[in-house]
Amino acid sequence: MQINGQPISTAAGSTLSQLLAQQGFDVARVAVELNGKIICRSDFSKVQLADSDTIEIVQFVGGG
């Protein structure tokens, strides 16, 4: 599996929500693309990941 171009390993059958927590992301402040498809935040806990997945994560940062 790759996150933002970097290979990582995770437990088989992990959900996207679990992966984000393991990697230290705040689910309220990210947008996720899984294999070229944007995933709705409400589906993070339903999406099960596979070893071949490619994930892009963008974090929102406030400021001015």
Protein backbone atom coordinates (compact mmCIF):
# COMPACT_ATOMS: atom_id res chain seq x y z
CA MET A 1 0.00 0.00 0.00
CA GLN A 2 1.15 3.54 -0.63
CA ILE A 3 0.23 6.77 1.11
CA ASN A 4 1.21 9.96 -0.69
CA GLY A 5 3.76 8.00 -2.72
CA GLN A 6 5.39 6.30 0.27
CA PRO A 7 5.08 2.53 0.81
CA ILE A 8 3.62 1.48 4.17
CA SER A 9 2.36 -1.74 5.67
CA THR A 10 -0.82 -2.15 7.66
CA ALA A 11 -2.93 -5.00 9.00
CA ALA A 12 -5.01 -6.82 6.41
CA GLY A 13 -8.64 -5.75 6.44
CA SER A 14 -7.99 -2.41 8.16
CA THR A 15 -10.48 0.31 7.47
CA LEU A 16 -9.53 3.70 6.11
CA SER A 17 -10.55 5.21 9.44
CA GLN A 18 -8.18 2.89 11.33
CA LEU A 19 -5.32 3.65 8.97
CA LEU A 20 -5.79 7.40 9.32
CA ALA A 21 -5.75 7.10 13.12
CA GLN A 22 -2.62 4.89 13.03
CA GLN A 23 -0.86 7.43 10.82
CA GLY A 24 -1.83 10.34 13.11
CA PHE A 25 -4.27 12.13 10.80
CA ASP A 26 -7.25 14.09 12.12
CA VAL A 27 -10.16 12.71 10.05
CA ALA A 28 -12.00 16.03 10.35
CA ARG A 29 -9.14 17.82 8.57
CA VAL A 30 -8.32 15.55 5.63
CA ALA A 31 -9.54 14.68 2.15
CA VAL A 32 -8.75 11.18 0.91
CA GLU A 33 -8.41 9.76 -2.58
CA LEU A 34 -8.30 5.96 -2.78
CA ASN A 35 -7.18 4.45 -6.09
CA GLY A 36 -8.13 7.65 -7.92
CA LYS A 37 -11.56 8.04 -6.26
CA ILE A 38 -12.47 10.63 -3.61
CA ILE A 39 -13.86 8.96 -0.48
CA CYS A 40 -16.60 10.68 1.54
CA ARG A 41 -15.65 11.24 5.17
CA SER A 42 -18.81 9.38 6.24
CA ASP A 43 -17.47 6.27 4.47
CA PHE A 44 -14.00 6.21 6.10
CA SER A 45 -15.06 3.56 8.62
CA LYS A 46 -16.74 1.40 5.95
CA VAL A 47 -13.89 1.25 3.40
CA GLN A 48 -11.63 -1.78 3.85
CA LEU A 49 -8.11 -1.49 2.48
CA ALA A 50 -6.04 -3.90 0.40
CA ASP A 51 -2.26 -4.22 0.01
CA SER A 52 -2.45 -2.93 -3.56
CA ASP A 53 -4.25 0.34 -2.66
CA THR A 54 -2.83 3.77 -3.46
CA ILE A 55 -3.98 6.51 -1.10
CA GLU A 56 -3.50 10.26 -1.38
CA ILE A 57 -4.24 12.31 1.73
CA VAL A 58 -4.50 16.09 1.80
CA GLN A 59 -4.61 17.90 5.15
CA PHE A 60 -6.46 21.17 5.56
CA VAL A 61 -4.57 23.86 7.44
CA GLY A 62 -6.17 27.02 8.78
CA GLY A 63 -4.46 30.35 8.94
CA GLY A 64 -4.42 33.72 7.44
